[in-house]
Amino acid sequence: MFDIGELVLIIKSDRTGPVPDAPPALIINRYTGFPSGDIFGSGDMVVYDLMFMGRIEYAISHEWLCKLDRKNTD
């Protein structure tokens, strides 16, 4: 689970790690809902609203995020 105000990275679609050269996103909200665009989502889960590249992205599943830390920024 991520906290509001935390910086995260977006994970690649093949789930092998963060999207290369993508900037971090800022968690601005956390709530229970349906993930946007997630065709595999079958019910309520914890989702996040993010500030990413100057836009707000709504209802992003935790499965598409990873914590920003030194090992995935080098």
C-alpha atoms as a PDB file:
ATOM      1  CA  MET A   1       0.000   0.000   0.000  1.00  0.00           C
ATOM      2  CA  PHE A   2       1.224   3.494  -0.812  1.00  0.00           C
ATOM      3  CA  ASP A   3       0.755   6.694   1.194  1.00  0.00           C
ATOM      4  CA  ILE A   4      -0.571  10.014  -0.024  1.00  0.00           C
ATOM      5  CA  GLY A   5       2.409  12.197  -0.895  1.00  0.00           C
ATOM      6  CA  GLU A   6       4.623   9.252  -1.812  1.00  0.00           C
ATOM      7  CA  LEU A   7       6.528   9.154  -5.114  1.00  0.00           C
ATOM      8  CA  VAL A   8       6.004   6.036  -7.234  1.00  0.00           C
ATOM      9  CA  LEU A   9       7.029   4.738 -10.636  1.00  0.00           C
ATOM     10  CA  ILE A  10       4.724   3.259 -13.281  1.00  0.00           C
ATOM     11  CA  ILE A  11       5.391  -0.416 -14.073  1.00  0.00           C
ATOM     12  CA  LYS A  12       5.808  -1.653 -17.664  1.00  0.00           C
ATOM     13  CA  SER A  13       2.957  -3.663 -19.165  1.00  0.00           C
ATOM     14  CA  ASP A  14       5.059  -6.850 -19.072  1.00  0.00           C
ATOM     15  CA  ARG A  15       5.546  -6.229 -15.309  1.00  0.00           C
ATOM     16  CA  THR A  16       9.350  -6.536 -15.508  1.00  0.00           C
ATOM     17  CA  GLY A  17      10.048  -3.190 -13.880  1.00  0.00           C
ATOM     18  CA  PRO A  18       9.460   0.544 -14.140  1.00  0.00           C
ATOM     19  CA  VAL A  19       8.862   2.239 -17.499  1.00  0.00           C
ATOM     20  CA  PRO A  20      12.316   3.409 -18.650  1.00  0.00           C
ATOM     21  CA  ASP A  21      12.903   7.170 -18.506  1.00  0.00           C
ATOM     22  CA  ALA A  22       9.401   7.875 -17.143  1.00  0.00           C
ATOM     23  CA  PRO A  23       9.282  10.475 -14.377  1.00  0.00           C
ATOM     24  CA  PRO A  24       7.893   9.574 -10.964  1.00  0.00           C
ATOM     25  CA  ALA A  25       4.244  10.120 -10.118  1.00  0.00           C
ATOM     26  CA  LEU A  26       2.894  11.621  -6.901  1.00  0.00           C
ATOM     27  CA  ILE A  27       0.125   9.817  -4.973  1.00  0.00           C
ATOM     28  CA  ILE A  28      -2.586  12.411  -4.334  1.00  0.00           C
ATOM     29  CA  ASN A  29      -5.469  10.181  -3.201  1.00  0.00           C
ATOM     30  CA  ARG A  30      -6.136   6.597  -2.069  1.00  0.00           C
ATOM     31  CA  TYR A  31      -9.569   4.959  -1.920  1.00  0.00           C
ATOM     32  CA  THR A  32     -11.550   1.829  -2.647  1.00  0.00           C
ATOM     33  CA  GLY A  33     -12.870   1.623  -6.192  1.00  0.00           C
ATOM     34  CA  PHE A  34     -12.568  -0.027  -9.565  1.00  0.00           C
ATOM     35  CA  PRO A  35      -9.276   0.441 -11.435  1.00  0.00           C
ATOM     36  CA  SER A  36      -9.595   2.502 -14.603  1.00  0.00           C
ATOM     37  CA  GLY A  37      -8.828   0.613 -17.791  1.00  0.00           C
ATOM     38  CA  ASP A  38      -8.121  -2.626 -15.915  1.00  0.00           C
ATOM     39  CA  ILE A  39      -9.951  -5.306 -17.881  1.00  0.00           C
ATOM     40  CA  PHE A  40      -8.959  -7.916 -15.295  1.00  0.00           C
ATOM     41  CA  GLY A  41     -10.410  -6.014 -12.328  1.00  0.00           C
ATOM     42  CA  SER A  42     -13.335  -7.928 -10.923  1.00  0.00           C
ATOM     43  CA  GLY A  43     -14.250  -5.826  -7.928  1.00  0.00           C
ATOM     44  CA  ASP A  44     -13.388  -3.074  -5.538  1.00  0.00           C
ATOM     45  CA  MET A  45      -9.762  -2.681  -4.585  1.00  0.00           C
ATOM     46  CA  VAL A  46      -7.507   0.060  -3.284  1.00  0.00           C
ATOM     47  CA  VAL A  47      -6.774   2.464  -6.144  1.00  0.00           C
ATOM     48  CA  TYR A  48      -4.802   5.683  -6.365  1.00  0.00           C
ATOM     49  CA  ASP A  49      -5.113   9.048  -8.058  1.00  0.00           C
ATOM     50  CA  LEU A  50      -1.733  10.268  -9.283  1.00  0.00           C
ATOM     51  CA  MET A  51      -0.193  13.495 -10.512  1.00  0.00           C
ATOM     52  CA  PHE A  52       1.836  12.268 -13.472  1.00  0.00           C
ATOM     53  CA  MET A  53       3.499  14.477 -16.080  1.00  0.00           C
ATOM     54  CA  GLY A  54       1.288  17.441 -15.175  1.00  0.00           C
ATOM     55  CA  ARG A  55      -1.996  15.500 -15.370  1.00  0.00           C
ATOM     56  CA  ILE A  56      -4.133  13.698 -12.824  1.00  0.00           C
ATOM     57  CA  GLU A  57      -4.556   9.999 -13.521  1.00  0.00           C
ATOM     58  CA  TYR A  58      -7.540   8.479 -11.706  1.00  0.00           C
ATOM     59  CA  ALA A  59      -8.142   5.061 -10.130  1.00  0.00           C
ATOM     60  CA  ILE A  60      -4.771   3.424 -10.832  1.00  0.00           C
ATOM     61  CA  SER A  61      -4.328  -0.094  -9.446  1.00  0.00           C
ATOM     62  CA  HIS A  62      -1.439  -0.742  -7.061  1.00  0.00           C
ATOM     63  CA  GLU A  63      -0.347  -3.489  -9.475  1.00  0.00           C
ATOM     64  CA  TRP A  64       0.851  -0.802 -11.915  1.00  0.00           C
ATOM     65  CA  LEU A  65       2.963   1.057  -9.338  1.00  0.00           C
ATOM     66  CA  CYS A  66       6.209   0.549  -7.470  1.00  0.00           C
ATOM     67  CA  LYS A  67       7.915   2.643  -4.817  1.00  0.00           C
ATOM     68  CA  LEU A  68      10.539   5.084  -5.953  1.00  0.00           C
ATOM     69  CA  ASP A  69      13.819   4.079  -4.396  1.00  0.00           C
ATOM     70  CA  ARG A  70      17.485   4.334  -5.233  1.00  0.00           C
ATOM     71  CA  LYS A  71      17.772   0.888  -6.852  1.00  0.00           C
ATOM     72  CA  ASN A  72      15.168   1.606  -9.550  1.00  0.00           C
ATOM     73  CA  THR A  73      16.440   5.076 -10.432  1.00  0.00           C
ATOM     74  CA  ASP A  74      20.078   4.220 -11.219  1.00  0.00           C
END
